[in-house]
Each structure stands twice: as structure tokens, then as C-alpha cells.
mmCIF file of all heavy atoms, coordinates in Angstrom:
data_MODEL
# 
_entry.id   MODEL 
# 
loop_
_atom_site.group_PDB 
_atom_site.id 
_atom_site.type_symbol 
_atom_site.label_atom_id 
_atom_site.label_alt_id 
_atom_site.label_comp_id 
_atom_site.label_asym_id 
_atom_site.label_entity_id 
_atom_site.label_seq_id 
_atom_site.pdbx_PDB_ins_code 
_atom_site.Cartn_x 
_atom_site.Cartn_y 
_atom_site.Cartn_z 
_atom_site.occupancy 
_atom_site.B_iso_or_equiv 
_atom_site.pdbx_formal_charge 
_atom_site.auth_seq_id 
_atom_site.auth_comp_id 
_atom_site.auth_asym_id 
_atom_site.auth_atom_id 
_atom_site.pdbx_PDB_model_num 
ATOM 1   N N   . ALA A 1 1  ? 8.830   2.506  -14.276 1.00 0.00 ? 1  ALA A N   1 
ATOM 2   C CA  . ALA A 1 1  ? 8.502   2.982  -15.694 1.00 0.00 ? 1  ALA A CA  1 
ATOM 3   C C   . ALA A 1 1  ? 8.018   1.879  -16.607 1.00 0.00 ? 1  ALA A C   1 
ATOM 4   O O   . ALA A 1 1  ? 8.463   0.682  -16.432 1.00 0.00 ? 1  ALA A O   1 
ATOM 5   C CB  . ALA A 1 1  ? 9.812   3.495  -16.250 1.00 0.00 ? 1  ALA A CB  1 
ATOM 6   N N   . TYR A 1 2  ? 7.045   2.133  -17.491 1.00 0.00 ? 2  TYR A N   1 
ATOM 7   C CA  . TYR A 1 2  ? 6.480   1.127  -18.308 1.00 0.00 ? 2  TYR A CA  1 
ATOM 8   C C   . TYR A 1 2  ? 5.779   1.699  -19.537 1.00 0.00 ? 2  TYR A C   1 
ATOM 9   O O   . TYR A 1 2  ? 5.702   2.904  -19.807 1.00 0.00 ? 2  TYR A O   1 
ATOM 10  C CB  . TYR A 1 2  ? 5.352   0.423  -17.459 1.00 0.00 ? 2  TYR A CB  1 
ATOM 11  C CG  . TYR A 1 2  ? 4.523   1.378  -16.683 1.00 0.00 ? 2  TYR A CG  1 
ATOM 12  C CD1 . TYR A 1 2  ? 3.326   2.064  -17.465 1.00 0.00 ? 2  TYR A CD1 1 
ATOM 13  C CD2 . TYR A 1 2  ? 4.675   1.843  -15.372 1.00 0.00 ? 2  TYR A CD2 1 
ATOM 14  C CE1 . TYR A 1 2  ? 2.689   2.988  -16.814 1.00 0.00 ? 2  TYR A CE1 1 
ATOM 15  C CE2 . TYR A 1 2  ? 3.975   2.698  -14.800 1.00 0.00 ? 2  TYR A CE2 1 
ATOM 16  C CZ  . TYR A 1 2  ? 2.915   3.254  -15.463 1.00 0.00 ? 2  TYR A CZ  1 
ATOM 17  O OH  . TYR A 1 2  ? 2.134   4.226  -14.851 1.00 0.00 ? 2  TYR A OH  1 
ATOM 18  N N   . ASP A 1 3  ? 5.563   0.884  -20.422 1.00 0.00 ? 3  ASP A N   1 
ATOM 19  C CA  . ASP A 1 3  ? 4.911   1.091  -21.795 1.00 0.00 ? 3  ASP A CA  1 
ATOM 20  C C   . ASP A 1 3  ? 3.559   1.650  -21.582 1.00 0.00 ? 3  ASP A C   1 
ATOM 21  O O   . ASP A 1 3  ? 2.746   1.056  -20.955 1.00 0.00 ? 3  ASP A O   1 
ATOM 22  C CB  . ASP A 1 3  ? 4.862   -0.175 -22.597 1.00 0.00 ? 3  ASP A CB  1 
ATOM 23  C CG  . ASP A 1 3  ? 4.336   0.082  -23.926 1.00 0.00 ? 3  ASP A CG  1 
ATOM 24  O OD1 . ASP A 1 3  ? 3.783   1.115  -24.298 1.00 0.00 ? 3  ASP A OD1 1 
ATOM 25  O OD2 . ASP A 1 3  ? 4.711   -0.796 -24.862 1.00 0.00 ? 3  ASP A OD2 1 
ATOM 26  N N   . GLY A 1 4  ? 3.323   2.893  -21.945 1.00 0.00 ? 4  GLY A N   1 
ATOM 27  C CA  . GLY A 1 4  ? 2.071   3.513  -21.776 1.00 0.00 ? 4  GLY A CA  1 
ATOM 28  C C   . GLY A 1 4  ? 0.911   2.744  -22.334 1.00 0.00 ? 4  GLY A C   1 
ATOM 29  O O   . GLY A 1 4  ? -0.249  2.955  -21.951 1.00 0.00 ? 4  GLY A O   1 
ATOM 30  N N   . SER A 1 5  ? 1.089   1.952  -23.251 1.00 0.00 ? 5  SER A N   1 
ATOM 31  C CA  . SER A 1 5  ? -0.045  1.043  -23.921 1.00 0.00 ? 5  SER A CA  1 
ATOM 32  C C   . SER A 1 5  ? -0.663  0.103  -22.919 1.00 0.00 ? 5  SER A C   1 
ATOM 33  O O   . SER A 1 5  ? -1.620  -0.288 -22.981 1.00 0.00 ? 5  SER A O   1 
ATOM 34  C CB  . SER A 1 5  ? 0.429   0.331  -25.190 1.00 0.00 ? 5  SER A CB  1 
ATOM 35  O OG  . SER A 1 5  ? 1.324   -0.592 -24.883 1.00 0.00 ? 5  SER A OG  1 
ATOM 36  N N   . ARG A 1 6  ? 0.138   -0.192 -21.813 1.00 0.00 ? 6  ARG A N   1 
ATOM 37  C CA  . ARG A 1 6  ? -0.404  -1.040 -20.772 1.00 0.00 ? 6  ARG A CA  1 
ATOM 38  C C   . ARG A 1 6  ? -1.051  -0.336 -19.576 1.00 0.00 ? 6  ARG A C   1 
ATOM 39  O O   . ARG A 1 6  ? -1.469  -1.035 -18.679 1.00 0.00 ? 6  ARG A O   1 
ATOM 40  C CB  . ARG A 1 6  ? 0.871   -1.927 -20.258 1.00 0.00 ? 6  ARG A CB  1 
ATOM 41  C CG  . ARG A 1 6  ? 1.518   -2.672 -21.346 1.00 0.00 ? 6  ARG A CG  1 
ATOM 42  C CD  . ARG A 1 6  ? 2.624   -3.594 -20.849 1.00 0.00 ? 6  ARG A CD  1 
ATOM 43  N NE  . ARG A 1 6  ? 2.256   -4.301 -19.775 1.00 0.00 ? 6  ARG A NE  1 
ATOM 44  C CZ  . ARG A 1 6  ? 2.931   -4.420 -18.540 1.00 0.00 ? 6  ARG A CZ  1 
ATOM 45  N NH1 . ARG A 1 6  ? 3.984   -3.665 -18.337 1.00 0.00 ? 6  ARG A NH1 1 
ATOM 46  N NH2 . ARG A 1 6  ? 2.453   -5.153 -17.553 1.00 0.00 ? 6  ARG A NH2 1 
ATOM 47  N N   . TYR A 1 7  ? -0.981  1.044  -19.579 1.00 0.00 ? 7  TYR A N   1 
ATOM 48  C CA  . TYR A 1 7  ? -1.461  1.832  -18.430 1.00 0.00 ? 7  TYR A CA  1 
ATOM 49  C C   . TYR A 1 7  ? -2.816  1.428  -18.031 1.00 0.00 ? 7  TYR A C   1 
ATOM 50  O O   . TYR A 1 7  ? -2.939  1.242  -16.817 1.00 0.00 ? 7  TYR A O   1 
ATOM 51  C CB  . TYR A 1 7  ? -1.282  3.345  -18.733 1.00 0.00 ? 7  TYR A CB  1 
ATOM 52  C CG  . TYR A 1 7  ? -1.823  4.243  -17.689 1.00 0.00 ? 7  TYR A CG  1 
ATOM 53  C CD1 . TYR A 1 7  ? -1.062  4.376  -16.526 1.00 0.00 ? 7  TYR A CD1 1 
ATOM 54  C CD2 . TYR A 1 7  ? -3.021  4.767  -17.822 1.00 0.00 ? 7  TYR A CD2 1 
ATOM 55  C CE1 . TYR A 1 7  ? -1.470  5.229  -15.608 1.00 0.00 ? 7  TYR A CE1 1 
ATOM 56  C CE2 . TYR A 1 7  ? -3.440  5.638  -16.636 1.00 0.00 ? 7  TYR A CE2 1 
ATOM 57  C CZ  . TYR A 1 7  ? -2.730  5.927  -15.673 1.00 0.00 ? 7  TYR A CZ  1 
ATOM 58  O OH  . TYR A 1 7  ? -3.202  6.647  -14.771 1.00 0.00 ? 7  TYR A OH  1 
ATOM 59  N N   . ARG A 1 8  ? -3.805  1.596  -18.744 1.00 0.00 ? 8  ARG A N   1 
ATOM 60  C CA  . ARG A 1 8  ? -5.150  1.427  -18.336 1.00 0.00 ? 8  ARG A CA  1 
ATOM 61  C C   . ARG A 1 8  ? -5.486  -0.121 -17.636 1.00 0.00 ? 8  ARG A C   1 
ATOM 62  O O   . ARG A 1 8  ? -6.000  -0.014 -16.593 1.00 0.00 ? 8  ARG A O   1 
ATOM 63  C CB  . ARG A 1 8  ? -6.162  1.698  -19.420 1.00 0.00 ? 8  ARG A CB  1 
ATOM 64  C CG  . ARG A 1 8  ? -6.210  3.054  -19.827 1.00 0.00 ? 8  ARG A CG  1 
ATOM 65  C CD  . ARG A 1 8  ? -7.437  3.343  -20.709 1.00 0.00 ? 8  ARG A CD  1 
ATOM 66  N NE  . ARG A 1 8  ? -7.541  4.805  -21.097 1.00 0.00 ? 8  ARG A NE  1 
ATOM 67  C CZ  . ARG A 1 8  ? -7.955  5.676  -20.382 1.00 0.00 ? 8  ARG A CZ  1 
ATOM 68  N NH1 . ARG A 1 8  ? -8.527  5.439  -19.301 1.00 0.00 ? 8  ARG A NH1 1 
ATOM 69  N NH2 . ARG A 1 8  ? -8.127  7.094  -20.864 1.00 0.00 ? 8  ARG A NH2 1 
ATOM 70  N N   . GLU A 1 9  ? -4.838  -1.105 -18.299 1.00 0.00 ? 9  GLU A N   1 
ATOM 71  C CA  . GLU A 1 9  ? -5.034  -2.362 -17.754 1.00 0.00 ? 9  GLU A CA  1 
ATOM 72  C C   . GLU A 1 9  ? -4.316  -2.488 -16.496 1.00 0.00 ? 9  GLU A C   1 
ATOM 73  O O   . GLU A 1 9  ? -4.828  -3.100 -15.470 1.00 0.00 ? 9  GLU A O   1 
ATOM 74  C CB  . GLU A 1 9  ? -4.473  -3.476 -18.674 1.00 0.00 ? 9  GLU A CB  1 
ATOM 75  C CG  . GLU A 1 9  ? -3.051  -3.836 -18.485 1.00 0.00 ? 9  GLU A CG  1 
ATOM 76  C CD  . GLU A 1 9  ? -2.441  -4.815 -19.387 1.00 0.00 ? 9  GLU A CD  1 
ATOM 77  O OE1 . GLU A 1 9  ? -2.512  -4.514 -20.606 1.00 0.00 ? 9  GLU A OE1 1 
ATOM 78  O OE2 . GLU A 1 9  ? -1.910  -5.819 -19.027 1.00 0.00 ? 9  GLU A OE2 1 
ATOM 79  N N   . LEU A 1 10 ? -3.080  -1.909 -16.247 1.00 0.00 ? 10 LEU A N   1 
ATOM 80  C CA  . LEU A 1 10 ? -2.374  -2.041 -15.048 1.00 0.00 ? 10 LEU A CA  1 
ATOM 81  C C   . LEU A 1 10 ? -3.071  -1.147 -13.978 1.00 0.00 ? 10 LEU A C   1 
ATOM 82  O O   . LEU A 1 10 ? -3.138  -1.560 -12.788 1.00 0.00 ? 10 LEU A O   1 
ATOM 83  C CB  . LEU A 1 10 ? -0.969  -1.478 -15.308 1.00 0.00 ? 10 LEU A CB  1 
ATOM 84  C CG  . LEU A 1 10 ? 0.005   -2.380 -16.172 1.00 0.00 ? 10 LEU A CG  1 
ATOM 85  C CD1 . LEU A 1 10 ? 1.251   -1.664 -16.470 1.00 0.00 ? 10 LEU A CD1 1 
ATOM 86  C CD2 . LEU A 1 10 ? 0.158   -3.651 -15.437 1.00 0.00 ? 10 LEU A CD2 1 
ATOM 87  N N   . ARG A 1 11 ? -3.456  -0.036 -14.210 1.00 0.00 ? 11 ARG A N   1 
ATOM 88  C CA  . ARG A 1 11 ? -3.922  0.955  -13.161 1.00 0.00 ? 11 ARG A CA  1 
ATOM 89  C C   . ARG A 1 11 ? -5.347  0.414  -12.670 1.00 0.00 ? 11 ARG A C   1 
ATOM 90  O O   . ARG A 1 11 ? -5.599  0.534  -11.546 1.00 0.00 ? 11 ARG A O   1 
ATOM 91  C CB  . ARG A 1 11 ? -4.235  2.304  -13.635 1.00 0.00 ? 11 ARG A CB  1 
ATOM 92  C CG  . ARG A 1 11 ? -5.489  2.616  -14.344 1.00 0.00 ? 11 ARG A CG  1 
ATOM 93  C CD  . ARG A 1 11 ? -5.515  4.194  -14.503 1.00 0.00 ? 11 ARG A CD  1 
ATOM 94  N NE  . ARG A 1 11 ? -6.910  4.367  -15.299 1.00 0.00 ? 11 ARG A NE  1 
ATOM 95  C CZ  . ARG A 1 11 ? -7.241  5.545  -15.632 1.00 0.00 ? 11 ARG A CZ  1 
ATOM 96  N NH1 . ARG A 1 11 ? -6.588  6.574  -15.440 1.00 0.00 ? 11 ARG A NH1 1 
ATOM 97  N NH2 . ARG A 1 11 ? -8.412  5.750  -16.237 1.00 0.00 ? 11 ARG A NH2 1 
ATOM 98  N N   . GLU A 1 12 ? -6.212  -0.279 -13.451 1.00 0.00 ? 12 GLU A N   1 
ATOM 99  C CA  . GLU A 1 12 ? -7.461  -0.697 -12.993 1.00 0.00 ? 12 GLU A CA  1 
ATOM 100 C C   . GLU A 1 12 ? -7.406  -1.642 -11.772 1.00 0.00 ? 12 GLU A C   1 
ATOM 101 O O   . GLU A 1 12 ? -8.017  -1.483 -10.669 1.00 0.00 ? 12 GLU A O   1 
ATOM 102 C CB  . GLU A 1 12 ? -8.174  -1.446 -14.052 1.00 0.00 ? 12 GLU A CB  1 
ATOM 103 C CG  . GLU A 1 12 ? -9.756  -1.739 -13.725 1.00 0.00 ? 12 GLU A CG  1 
ATOM 104 C CD  . GLU A 1 12 ? -10.497 -2.078 -14.923 1.00 0.00 ? 12 GLU A CD  1 
ATOM 105 O OE1 . GLU A 1 12 ? -10.305 -1.437 -16.024 1.00 0.00 ? 12 GLU A OE1 1 
ATOM 106 O OE2 . GLU A 1 12 ? -11.443 -2.978 -14.750 1.00 0.00 ? 12 GLU A OE2 1 
ATOM 107 N N   . LYS A 1 13 ? -6.597  -2.603 -11.868 1.00 0.00 ? 13 LYS A N   1 
ATOM 108 C CA  . LYS A 1 13 ? -6.327  -3.594 -10.849 1.00 0.00 ? 13 LYS A CA  1 
ATOM 109 C C   . LYS A 1 13 ? -5.570  -2.932 -9.685  1.00 0.00 ? 13 LYS A C   1 
ATOM 110 O O   . LYS A 1 13 ? -5.965  -3.103 -8.471  1.00 0.00 ? 13 LYS A O   1 
ATOM 111 C CB  . LYS A 1 13 ? -5.652  -4.862 -11.314 1.00 0.00 ? 13 LYS A CB  1 
ATOM 112 C CG  . LYS A 1 13 ? -5.311  -5.860 -10.182 1.00 0.00 ? 13 LYS A CG  1 
ATOM 113 C CD  . LYS A 1 13 ? -4.407  -6.961 -10.680 1.00 0.00 ? 13 LYS A CD  1 
ATOM 114 C CE  . LYS A 1 13 ? -4.343  -7.911 -9.388  1.00 0.00 ? 13 LYS A CE  1 
ATOM 115 N NZ  . LYS A 1 13 ? -3.081  -8.509 -9.474  1.00 0.00 ? 13 LYS A NZ  1 
ATOM 116 N N   . SER A 1 14 ? -4.565  -2.305 -9.932  1.00 0.00 ? 14 SER A N   1 
ATOM 117 C CA  . SER A 1 14 ? -3.728  -1.632 -8.866  1.00 0.00 ? 14 SER A CA  1 
ATOM 118 C C   . SER A 1 14 ? -4.376  -0.602 -8.143  1.00 0.00 ? 14 SER A C   1 
ATOM 119 O O   . SER A 1 14 ? -4.435  -0.765 -6.781  1.00 0.00 ? 14 SER A O   1 
ATOM 120 C CB  . SER A 1 14 ? -2.531  -1.015 -9.584  1.00 0.00 ? 14 SER A CB  1 
ATOM 121 O OG  . SER A 1 14 ? -1.833  -1.891 -10.436 1.00 0.00 ? 14 SER A OG  1 
ATOM 122 N N   . TRP A 1 15 ? -5.100  0.260  -8.636  1.00 0.00 ? 15 TRP A N   1 
ATOM 123 C CA  . TRP A 1 15 ? -5.771  1.288  -7.886  1.00 0.00 ? 15 TRP A CA  1 
ATOM 124 C C   . TRP A 1 15 ? -6.878  0.717  -7.083  1.00 0.00 ? 15 TRP A C   1 
ATOM 125 O O   . TRP A 1 15 ? -7.048  1.111  -5.829  1.00 0.00 ? 15 TRP A O   1 
ATOM 126 C CB  . TRP A 1 15 ? -6.317  2.341  -8.873  1.00 0.00 ? 15 TRP A CB  1 
ATOM 127 C CG  . TRP A 1 15 ? -5.273  3.368  -9.440  1.00 0.00 ? 15 TRP A CG  1 
ATOM 128 C CD1 . TRP A 1 15 ? -4.002  3.289  -9.318  1.00 0.00 ? 15 TRP A CD1 1 
ATOM 129 C CD2 . TRP A 1 15 ? -5.605  4.452  -10.150 1.00 0.00 ? 15 TRP A CD2 1 
ATOM 130 N NE1 . TRP A 1 15 ? -3.435  4.197  -10.107 1.00 0.00 ? 15 TRP A NE1 1 
ATOM 131 C CE2 . TRP A 1 15 ? -4.357  4.992  -10.568 1.00 0.00 ? 15 TRP A CE2 1 
ATOM 132 C CE3 . TRP A 1 15 ? -6.718  4.978  -10.707 1.00 0.00 ? 15 TRP A CE3 1 
ATOM 133 C CZ2 . TRP A 1 15 ? -4.329  6.086  -11.354 1.00 0.00 ? 15 TRP A CZ2 1 
ATOM 134 C CZ3 . TRP A 1 15 ? -6.584  6.202  -11.466 1.00 0.00 ? 15 TRP A CZ3 1 
ATOM 135 C CH2 . TRP A 1 15 ? -5.375  6.660  -11.833 1.00 0.00 ? 15 TRP A CH2 1 
ATOM 136 N N   . LEU A 1 16 ? -7.694  -0.094 -7.517  1.00 0.00 ? 16 LEU A N   1 
ATOM 137 C CA  . LEU A 1 16 ? -8.709  -0.734 -6.694  1.00 0.00 ? 16 LEU A CA  1 
ATOM 138 C C   . LEU A 1 16 ? -8.228  -1.463 -5.590  1.00 0.00 ? 16 LEU A C   1 
ATOM 139 O O   . LEU A 1 16 ? -8.807  -1.574 -4.470  1.00 0.00 ? 16 LEU A O   1 
ATOM 140 C CB  . LEU A 1 16 ? -9.685  -1.600 -7.636  1.00 0.00 ? 16 LEU A CB  1 
ATOM 141 C CG  . LEU A 1 16 ? -10.477 -0.713 -8.680  1.00 0.00 ? 16 LEU A CG  1 
ATOM 142 C CD1 . LEU A 1 16 ? -11.204 -1.718 -9.468  1.00 0.00 ? 16 LEU A CD1 1 
ATOM 143 C CD2 . LEU A 1 16 ? -11.411 0.248  -8.011  1.00 0.00 ? 16 LEU A CD2 1 
ATOM 144 N N   . ASN A 1 17 ? -7.031  -2.179 -5.753  1.00 0.00 ? 17 ASN A N   1 
ATOM 145 C CA  . ASN A 1 17 ? -6.520  -2.936 -4.666  1.00 0.00 ? 17 ASN A CA  1 
ATOM 146 C C   . ASN A 1 17 ? -5.645  -2.028 -3.557  1.00 0.00 ? 17 ASN A C   1 
ATOM 147 O O   . ASN A 1 17 ? -5.700  -2.328 -2.450  1.00 0.00 ? 17 ASN A O   1 
ATOM 148 C CB  . ASN A 1 17 ? -5.412  -3.952 -5.114  1.00 0.00 ? 17 ASN A CB  1 
ATOM 149 C CG  . ASN A 1 17 ? -6.129  -5.063 -5.727  1.00 0.00 ? 17 ASN A CG  1 
ATOM 150 O OD1 . ASN A 1 17 ? -7.323  -5.417 -5.642  1.00 0.00 ? 17 ASN A OD1 1 
ATOM 151 N ND2 . ASN A 1 17 ? -5.348  -5.820 -6.595  1.00 0.00 ? 17 ASN A ND2 1 
ATOM 152 N N   . LEU A 1 18 ? -5.257  -0.861 -4.106  1.00 0.00 ? 18 LEU A N   1 
ATOM 153 C CA  . LEU A 1 18 ? -4.452  -0.034 -3.198  1.00 0.00 ? 18 LEU A CA  1 
ATOM 154 C C   . LEU A 1 18 ? -5.300  0.985  -2.452  1.00 0.00 ? 18 LEU A C   1 
ATOM 155 O O   . LEU A 1 18 ? -5.034  1.472  -1.288  1.00 0.00 ? 18 LEU A O   1 
ATOM 156 C CB  . LEU A 1 18 ? -3.312  0.729  -3.982  1.00 0.00 ? 18 LEU A CB  1 
ATOM 157 C CG  . LEU A 1 18 ? -2.169  -0.043 -4.342  1.00 0.00 ? 18 LEU A CG  1 
ATOM 158 C CD1 . LEU A 1 18 ? -1.313  0.659  -5.302  1.00 0.00 ? 18 LEU A CD1 1 
ATOM 159 C CD2 . LEU A 1 18 ? -1.343  -0.576 -3.174  1.00 0.00 ? 18 LEU A CD2 1 
ATOM 160 N N   . TRP A 1 19 ? -6.365  1.436  -3.128  1.00 0.00 ? 19 TRP A N   1 
ATOM 161 C CA  . TRP A 1 19 ? -7.209  2.412  -2.465  1.00 0.00 ? 19 TRP A CA  1 
ATOM 162 C C   . TRP A 1 19 ? -8.700  1.892  -2.316  1.00 0.00 ? 19 TRP A C   1 
ATOM 163 O O   . TRP A 1 19 ? -9.480  1.913  -3.255  1.00 0.00 ? 19 TRP A O   1 
ATOM 164 C CB  . TRP A 1 19 ? -7.251  3.711  -3.310  1.00 0.00 ? 19 TRP A CB  1 
ATOM 165 C CG  . TRP A 1 19 ? -5.933  4.472  -3.251  1.00 0.00 ? 19 TRP A CG  1 
ATOM 166 C CD1 . TRP A 1 19 ? -5.514  5.244  -2.269  1.00 0.00 ? 19 TRP A CD1 1 
ATOM 167 C CD2 . TRP A 1 19 ? -4.818  4.346  -3.984  1.00 0.00 ? 19 TRP A CD2 1 
ATOM 168 N NE1 . TRP A 1 19 ? -4.134  5.604  -2.348  1.00 0.00 ? 19 TRP A NE1 1 
ATOM 169 C CE2 . TRP A 1 19 ? -3.796  5.151  -3.467  1.00 0.00 ? 19 TRP A CE2 1 
ATOM 170 C CE3 . TRP A 1 19 ? -4.571  3.670  -5.286  1.00 0.00 ? 19 TRP A CE3 1 
ATOM 171 C CZ2 . TRP A 1 19 ? -2.532  5.232  -4.207  1.00 0.00 ? 19 TRP A CZ2 1 
ATOM 172 C CZ3 . TRP A 1 19 ? -3.396  3.772  -5.979  1.00 0.00 ? 19 TRP A CZ3 1 
ATOM 173 C CH2 . TRP A 1 19 ? -2.313  4.547  -5.299  1.00 0.00 ? 19 TRP A CH2 1 
ATOM 174 N N   . ASP A 1 20 ? -8.992  1.258  -1.257  1.00 0.00 ? 20 ASP A N   1 
ATOM 175 C CA  . ASP A 1 20 ? -10.193 0.666  -0.905  1.00 0.00 ? 20 ASP A CA  1 
ATOM 176 C C   . ASP A 1 20 ? -11.382 1.502  -1.116  1.00 0.00 ? 20 ASP A C   1 
ATOM 177 O O   . ASP A 1 20 ? -12.376 1.030  -1.525  1.00 0.00 ? 20 ASP A O   1 
ATOM 178 C CB  . ASP A 1 20 ? -10.170 0.094  0.583   1.00 0.00 ? 20 ASP A CB  1 
ATOM 179 C CG  . ASP A 1 20 ? -8.969  -0.766 0.890   1.00 0.00 ? 20 ASP A CG  1 
ATOM 180 O OD1 . ASP A 1 20 ? -8.565  -1.529 0.019   1.00 0.00 ? 20 ASP A OD1 1 
ATOM 181 O OD2 . ASP A 1 20 ? -8.603  -0.868 2.058   1.00 0.00 ? 20 ASP A OD2 1 
ATOM 182 N N   . SER A 1 21 ? -11.280 2.747  -0.785  1.00 0.00 ? 21 SER A N   1 
ATOM 183 C CA  . SER A 1 21 ? -12.323 3.474  -0.921  1.00 0.00 ? 21 SER A CA  1 
ATOM 184 C C   . SER A 1 21 ? -12.610 4.193  -2.347  1.00 0.00 ? 21 SER A C   1 
ATOM 185 O O   . SER A 1 21 ? -13.510 4.916  -2.754  1.00 0.00 ? 21 SER A O   1 
ATOM 186 C CB  . SER A 1 21 ? -12.198 4.830  -0.034  1.00 0.00 ? 21 SER A CB  1 
ATOM 187 O OG  . SER A 1 21 ? -11.030 5.501  -0.430  1.00 0.00 ? 21 SER A OG  1 
ATOM 188 N N   . MET A 1 22 ? -11.734 3.768  -3.411  1.00 0.00 ? 22 MET A N   1 
ATOM 189 C CA  . MET A 1 22 ? -11.884 4.311  -4.752  1.00 0.00 ? 22 MET A CA  1 
ATOM 190 C C   . MET A 1 22 ? -13.118 3.745  -5.407  1.00 0.00 ? 22 MET A C   1 
ATOM 191 O O   . MET A 1 22 ? -13.388 2.578  -5.373  1.00 0.00 ? 22 MET A O   1 
ATOM 192 C CB  . MET A 1 22 ? -10.665 3.917  -5.548  1.00 0.00 ? 22 MET A CB  1 
ATOM 193 C CG  . MET A 1 22 ? -10.767 4.536  -6.921  1.00 0.00 ? 22 MET A CG  1 
ATOM 194 S SD  . MET A 1 22 ? -9.284  4.345  -7.863  1.00 0.00 ? 22 MET A SD  1 
ATOM 195 C CE  . MET A 1 22 ? -8.309  5.665  -7.226  1.00 0.00 ? 22 MET A CE  1 
ATOM 196 N N   . ASP A 1 23 ? -13.826 4.741  -5.974  1.00 0.00 ? 23 ASP A N   1 
ATOM 197 C CA  . ASP A 1 23 ? -15.043 4.331  -6.774  1.00 0.00 ? 23 ASP A CA  1 
ATOM 198 C C   . ASP A 1 23 ? -14.487 3.750  -8.103  1.00 0.00 ? 23 ASP A C   1 
ATOM 199 O O   . ASP A 1 23 ? -13.753 4.507  -8.840  1.00 0.00 ? 23 ASP A O   1 
ATOM 200 C CB  . ASP A 1 23 ? -15.911 5.490  -6.949  1.00 0.00 ? 23 ASP A CB  1 
ATOM 201 C CG  . ASP A 1 23 ? -17.139 5.369  -7.703  1.00 0.00 ? 23 ASP A CG  1 
ATOM 202 O OD1 . ASP A 1 23 ? -17.371 4.210  -8.366  1.00 0.00 ? 23 ASP A OD1 1 
ATOM 203 O OD2 . ASP A 1 23 ? -17.893 6.355  -7.901  1.00 0.00 ? 23 ASP A OD2 1 
ATOM 204 N N   . PRO A 1 24 ? -14.997 2.699  -8.527  1.00 0.00 ? 24 PRO A N   1 
ATOM 205 C CA  . PRO A 1 24 ? -14.553 2.091  -9.782  1.00 0.00 ? 24 PRO A CA  1 
ATOM 206 C C   . PRO A 1 24 ? -14.870 3.079  -11.042 1.00 0.00 ? 24 PRO A C   1 
ATOM 207 O O   . PRO A 1 24 ? -14.213 2.984  -12.057 1.00 0.00 ? 24 PRO A O   1 
ATOM 208 C CB  . PRO A 1 24 ? -15.249 0.791  -9.865  1.00 0.00 ? 24 PRO A CB  1 
ATOM 209 C CG  . PRO A 1 24 ? -15.553 0.386  -8.503  1.00 0.00 ? 24 PRO A CG  1 
ATOM 210 C CD  . PRO A 1 24 ? -15.725 1.657  -7.852  1.00 0.00 ? 24 PRO A CD  1 
# 
């Protein structure tokens, strides 16, 4: 659980590292 104001910054790095095939 986390502060929603941090969501976009956190997901950008996380998703690209976790899902190699993800289109930025």
C-alpha cells in the first residue's frame, strides 16, 4: 500500500523492469 501521488513514478520503473515485453 502506498500514497497514490507516487503511483505514476513508481509504476513506470517497476512495470518496465517486470514485464520485458511491455511497450513504454
